[in-house]
Amino acid sequence: MFSRRAILVVGLFGTIVATAFARTVTGGRPQVTVYGTIGQVVRQRDVAAKVELAEVLRTPHAFALGSLSDLRGEITIVDGTVWLSYPPPAPSAPGGAPKVVVSSDSAERAGFLVAAHVDPSRWREVKLSAPITSDNLESMLVKLAAENGLGGADLPFRIEGRLSTLTLAIIDGRRVPPGPSSAEVLKKANDLQTEADVPATLIGFLAAKPDERFTHPGQRIHVHAVVEARRMTGHAQAFKAPAGVRLWLPAGTPRPLPSSSTAARE
């Protein structure tokens, strides 16, 4: 008979091995966590709070994007720094400036959020030899993810550089009419800001498939932008950048060959 201590040690060892194996076969990719979904927001008008930002920030090196509860504005988190953008105070008076709050902590709550935690050592820069736009970025990322052993998984990414044009969208729930909602209805409720020739950081997530968990219908990427020099943030609705901006993907690890026992079963 094994002693209780021996069983505990064996159990602990098995847990460690299983955890290590799981990390290996997923290629060391960071876990992507979704609180609420875009589908819930668009189709069910579910905009209630799903998570406190403080909970996400407890783990270092948080990267995230989403919307505040009740569609009160936009959330972008860049390496643990929270950028919040609230629409202008008077929705009936266009042209007002959004309110932007930047901090290392926050008592705010998200109605939808997608997040990952990526240590600086786990980012790998990928060279971009062609211009990028909001129209071609998705296809470029799908190709680059596959080439870097990261295909078939949800992935965070970040881009830094000077954008020739950038349109930010900030959701204003006060402008959403009562009744059934849709992607078009929500789009019309955005407050827009367009800038030219700005240095920006894009924080985004690539979905394994377009299932509306954290992307809009028919899309596989969701991107927010931070323009630190002009204290701006929001959903990156449209953008263009010349060749030379810098893209980072999570560092991938080649998948191990199957063991002999696994190969035999296959």
Protein backbone atom coordinates (compact mmCIF):
# COMPACT_ATOMS: atom_id res chain seq x y z
CA MET A 1 0.00 0.00 0.00
CA PHE A 2 1.22 3.49 -0.78
CA SER A 3 1.37 6.02 2.02
CA ARG A 4 -0.81 9.11 1.80
CA ARG A 5 2.34 11.20 1.34
CA ALA A 6 3.51 9.06 -1.55
CA ILE A 7 0.13 9.33 -3.25
CA LEU A 8 0.20 13.10 -2.76
CA VAL A 9 3.69 13.36 -4.30
CA VAL A 10 2.74 11.17 -7.25
CA GLY A 11 -0.44 13.19 -7.78
CA LEU A 12 1.45 16.46 -7.65
CA PHE A 13 4.08 15.15 -10.06
CA GLY A 14 1.36 14.06 -12.46
CA THR A 15 -0.25 17.49 -12.30
CA ILE A 16 3.07 19.20 -13.04
CA VAL A 17 3.75 16.89 -15.98
CA ALA A 18 0.25 17.35 -17.36
CA THR A 19 0.52 21.13 -17.08
CA ALA A 20 3.94 21.16 -18.75
CA PHE A 21 2.65 18.91 -21.53
CA ALA A 22 -0.37 21.13 -22.10
CA ARG A 23 1.88 24.16 -22.42
CA THR A 24 4.13 22.31 -24.86
CA VAL A 25 1.44 21.06 -27.22
CA THR A 26 -0.16 24.50 -27.42
CA GLY A 27 3.17 25.91 -28.52
CA GLY A 28 3.59 28.13 -25.47
CA ARG A 29 0.84 30.47 -26.70
CA PRO A 30 -0.67 32.82 -24.13
CA GLN A 31 -4.18 31.99 -23.00
CA VAL A 32 -6.83 34.27 -24.49
CA THR A 33 -9.79 34.84 -22.15
CA VAL A 34 -13.11 36.31 -23.25
CA TYR A 35 -15.59 37.91 -20.85
CA GLY A 36 -18.98 38.22 -22.49
CA THR A 37 -19.03 38.09 -26.30
CA ILE A 38 -19.58 40.38 -29.23
CA GLY A 39 -22.46 38.12 -30.23
CA GLN A 40 -24.15 38.75 -26.88
CA VAL A 41 -23.74 42.50 -27.27
CA VAL A 42 -24.98 42.60 -30.88
CA ARG A 43 -27.73 39.96 -30.91
CA GLN A 44 -28.95 39.86 -27.31
CA ARG A 45 -28.19 43.43 -26.28
CA ASP A 46 -26.42 41.99 -23.26
CA VAL A 47 -24.25 44.87 -22.06
CA ALA A 48 -24.21 44.11 -18.33
CA ALA A 49 -20.87 44.03 -16.50
CA LYS A 50 -18.94 40.78 -17.04
CA VAL A 51 -15.63 41.46 -15.29
CA GLU A 52 -13.90 44.08 -13.18
CA LEU A 53 -10.77 45.42 -14.84
CA ALA A 54 -8.93 45.11 -11.52
CA GLU A 55 -9.31 41.34 -11.81
CA VAL A 56 -7.60 41.30 -15.22
CA LEU A 57 -4.84 43.60 -13.99
CA ARG A 58 -3.88 41.35 -11.07
CA THR A 59 -1.74 39.32 -13.47
CA PRO A 60 1.18 41.34 -14.91
CA HIS A 61 1.56 42.27 -18.57
CA ALA A 62 -2.14 42.41 -19.43
CA PHE A 63 -3.20 43.21 -22.99
CA ALA A 64 -6.91 43.61 -23.63
CA LEU A 65 -9.66 45.40 -25.50
CA GLY A 66 -13.38 45.72 -25.06
CA SER A 67 -16.27 47.99 -24.12
CA LEU A 68 -17.40 49.34 -20.79
CA SER A 69 -20.58 47.98 -19.23
CA ASP A 70 -23.77 49.49 -20.67
CA LEU A 71 -21.80 50.60 -23.73
CA ARG A 72 -20.41 53.62 -21.89
CA GLY A 73 -17.14 53.69 -23.83
CA GLU A 74 -14.05 51.77 -24.93
CA ILE A 75 -11.32 49.85 -23.10
CA THR A 76 -7.74 49.28 -24.25
CA ILE A 77 -5.09 47.74 -21.99
CA VAL A 78 -1.45 47.91 -23.07
CA ASP A 79 0.99 45.94 -20.91
CA GLY A 80 -0.98 46.64 -17.73
CA THR A 81 -1.81 50.27 -18.48
CA VAL A 82 -5.54 50.95 -18.84
CA TRP A 83 -6.80 53.41 -21.44
CA LEU A 84 -10.50 54.27 -21.14
CA SER A 85 -12.35 56.45 -23.64
CA TYR A 86 -15.77 57.86 -22.78
CA PRO A 87 -17.92 59.55 -25.45
CA PRO A 88 -18.57 63.31 -25.29
CA PRO A 89 -20.93 64.35 -22.48
CA ALA A 90 -23.76 65.49 -24.78
CA PRO A 91 -24.66 62.88 -27.42
CA SER A 92 -26.99 65.33 -29.18
CA ALA A 93 -24.18 67.87 -29.68
CA PRO A 94 -21.62 66.42 -32.15
CA GLY A 95 -18.05 67.60 -32.10
CA GLY A 96 -17.38 67.31 -28.39
CA ALA A 97 -14.16 65.74 -27.18
CA PRO A 98 -14.19 62.28 -25.61
CA LYS A 99 -12.91 61.90 -22.07
CA VAL A 100 -9.81 59.69 -21.83
CA VAL A 101 -8.58 58.20 -18.55
CA VAL A 102 -5.17 56.48 -18.28
CA SER A 103 -4.10 54.54 -15.18
CA SER A 104 -2.36 51.43 -13.90
CA ASP A 105 -5.49 50.32 -12.08
CA SER A 106 -9.21 50.84 -12.49
CA ALA A 107 -12.48 50.26 -10.69
CA GLU A 108 -14.31 50.12 -14.02
CA ARG A 109 -16.20 47.10 -15.34
CA ALA A 110 -16.38 45.68 -18.85
CA GLY A 111 -19.52 44.53 -20.62
CA PHE A 112 -17.24 42.72 -23.06
CA LEU A 113 -13.50 42.10 -22.88
CA VAL A 114 -10.90 39.89 -24.54
CA ALA A 115 -7.58 39.64 -22.71
CA ALA A 116 -4.21 37.90 -22.64
CA HIS A 117 -1.11 38.23 -20.48
CA VAL A 118 2.16 38.23 -22.41
CA ASP A 119 5.55 38.61 -20.78
CA PRO A 120 7.89 40.93 -22.75
CA SER A 121 10.20 37.98 -23.46
CA ARG A 122 7.35 36.12 -25.16
CA TRP A 123 6.79 38.64 -27.95
CA ARG A 124 8.50 38.01 -31.29
CA GLU A 125 8.82 40.75 -33.88
CA VAL A 126 7.73 39.83 -37.39
CA LYS A 127 8.95 41.92 -40.31
CA LEU A 128 6.30 43.63 -42.42
CA SER A 129 7.51 44.42 -45.91
CA ALA A 130 4.18 45.75 -47.21
CA PRO A 131 1.80 48.52 -46.17
CA ILE A 132 -1.06 47.52 -43.86
CA THR A 133 -4.65 48.66 -43.79
CA SER A 134 -7.76 47.76 -41.83
CA ASP A 135 -8.82 45.83 -44.95
CA ASN A 136 -5.73 43.67 -45.52
CA LEU A 137 -4.47 43.13 -41.95
CA GLU A 138 -6.63 40.09 -41.25
CA SER A 139 -5.38 38.09 -44.25
CA MET A 140 -1.78 39.09 -43.48
CA LEU A 141 -2.08 37.94 -39.87
CA VAL A 142 -3.64 34.60 -40.80
CA LYS A 143 -0.73 33.94 -43.16
CA LEU A 144 1.93 35.10 -40.69
CA ALA A 145 0.43 33.08 -37.84
CA ALA A 146 0.56 29.92 -39.96
CA GLU A 147 4.15 30.62 -41.03
CA ASN A 148 5.21 31.08 -37.41
CA GLY A 149 3.59 27.92 -36.07
CA LEU A 150 0.70 29.80 -34.48
CA GLY A 151 -2.17 28.84 -36.76
CA GLY A 152 -5.49 27.52 -35.49
CA ALA A 153 -5.53 29.44 -32.19
CA ASP A 154 -6.73 32.74 -30.76
CA LEU A 155 -3.80 35.14 -30.62
CA PRO A 156 -3.02 38.61 -29.32
CA PHE A 157 -0.86 40.90 -31.45
CA ARG A 158 0.46 44.43 -31.30
CA ILE A 159 1.65 46.89 -33.92
CA GLU A 160 3.64 50.08 -33.43
CA GLY A 161 4.45 52.77 -35.93
CA ARG A 162 3.20 55.85 -37.71
CA LEU A 163 -0.23 55.57 -39.29
CA SER A 164 -1.04 57.71 -42.31
CA THR A 165 -4.72 57.69 -41.32
CA LEU A 166 -6.64 56.42 -38.30
CA THR A 167 -10.36 56.51 -37.47
CA LEU A 168 -11.27 55.71 -33.88
CA ALA A 169 -14.78 54.68 -32.88
CA ILE A 170 -16.10 55.17 -29.33
CA ILE A 171 -19.39 53.48 -28.56
CA ASP A 172 -22.09 55.63 -26.95
CA GLY A 173 -24.85 53.48 -25.49
CA ARG A 174 -27.08 56.54 -25.09
CA ARG A 175 -27.39 56.65 -28.87
CA VAL A 176 -28.53 53.05 -29.23
CA PRO A 177 -32.30 53.04 -29.79
CA PRO A 178 -34.50 50.69 -27.76
CA GLY A 179 -35.52 47.37 -29.26
CA PRO A 180 -33.62 44.74 -31.26
CA SER A 181 -30.02 45.61 -32.04
CA SER A 182 -27.59 44.78 -34.84
CA ALA A 183 -24.03 45.49 -35.89
CA GLU A 184 -25.27 48.35 -38.08
CA VAL A 185 -27.30 49.89 -35.25
CA LEU A 186 -24.28 49.81 -32.95
CA LYS A 187 -22.01 51.23 -35.64
CA LYS A 188 -24.29 54.27 -35.98
CA ALA A 189 -24.00 54.83 -32.22
CA ASN A 190 -20.25 55.42 -32.42
CA ASP A 191 -18.54 58.73 -31.87
CA LEU A 192 -15.78 58.97 -34.51
CA GLN A 193 -12.36 60.64 -34.46
CA THR A 194 -10.16 60.73 -37.56
CA GLU A 195 -6.49 61.66 -37.42
CA ALA A 196 -3.70 61.78 -40.00
CA ASP A 197 0.00 60.98 -39.65
CA VAL A 198 -0.03 59.80 -36.04
CA PRO A 199 2.32 57.49 -34.11
CA ALA A 200 0.11 54.78 -32.64
CA THR A 201 0.03 51.42 -30.91
CA LEU A 202 -2.49 48.90 -32.18
CA ILE A 203 -3.61 46.16 -29.79
CA GLY A 204 -5.53 43.36 -31.42
CA PHE A 205 -6.68 39.77 -31.28
CA LEU A 206 -6.89 37.23 -34.09
CA ALA A 207 -9.63 34.63 -33.69
CA ALA A 208 -9.15 31.01 -34.68
CA LYS A 209 -12.47 31.33 -36.53
CA PRO A 210 -15.08 34.08 -37.06
CA ASP A 211 -17.49 32.99 -34.33
CA GLU A 212 -18.35 36.42 -32.85
CA ARG A 213 -16.81 35.71 -29.47
CA PHE A 214 -14.55 38.76 -29.65
CA THR A 215 -14.83 39.80 -33.30
CA HIS A 216 -17.62 41.45 -35.23
CA PRO A 217 -19.75 39.34 -37.61
CA GLY A 218 -17.75 37.83 -40.47
CA GLN A 219 -14.38 39.03 -39.12
CA ARG A 220 -11.42 37.36 -37.43
CA ILE A 221 -9.64 40.38 -35.98
CA HIS A 222 -10.60 43.05 -33.47
CA VAL A 223 -8.27 46.00 -33.10
CA HIS A 224 -8.04 49.00 -30.76
CA ALA A 225 -5.57 51.86 -31.00
CA VAL A 226 -3.76 54.10 -28.54
CA VAL A 227 -2.31 57.43 -29.66
CA GLU A 228 -0.30 58.40 -26.62
CA ALA A 229 0.93 61.73 -27.99
CA ARG A 230 -2.65 62.93 -28.50
CA ARG A 231 -4.16 61.03 -25.53
CA MET A 232 -6.62 59.08 -27.66
CA THR A 233 -7.92 55.52 -27.69
CA GLY A 234 -10.81 53.53 -29.12
CA HIS A 235 -11.83 50.86 -31.58
CA ALA A 236 -9.64 51.14 -34.70
CA GLN A 237 -12.41 51.30 -37.27
CA ALA A 238 -10.15 52.21 -40.19
CA PHE A 239 -6.41 52.74 -40.59
CA LYS A 240 -3.58 52.77 -43.10
CA ALA A 241 0.16 52.53 -42.54
CA PRO A 242 3.12 52.43 -44.92
CA ALA A 243 5.60 49.57 -44.91
CA GLY A 244 7.89 49.64 -41.92
CA VAL A 245 5.53 49.51 -38.96
CA ARG A 246 6.51 46.88 -36.38
CA LEU A 247 4.36 43.82 -35.66
CA TRP A 248 4.73 41.48 -32.69
CA LEU A 249 3.17 38.04 -32.31
CA PRO A 250 3.49 35.68 -29.33
CA ALA A 251 6.62 33.57 -29.62
CA GLY A 252 5.67 30.13 -30.90
CA THR A 253 7.34 26.84 -30.00
CA PRO A 254 7.45 23.94 -32.47
CA ARG A 255 5.08 21.15 -31.51
CA PRO A 256 6.87 18.03 -30.24
CA LEU A 257 6.83 14.80 -32.20
CA PRO A 258 4.34 12.25 -30.81
CA SER A 259 5.72 9.68 -28.42
CA SER A 260 6.02 6.07 -29.61
CA SER A 261 2.98 5.05 -27.57
CA THR A 262 0.92 7.89 -29.05
CA ALA A 263 2.08 7.08 -32.56
CA ALA A 264 1.18 3.44 -32.07
CA ARG A 265 -2.37 4.35 -31.05
CA GLU A 266 -2.71 6.56 -34.11
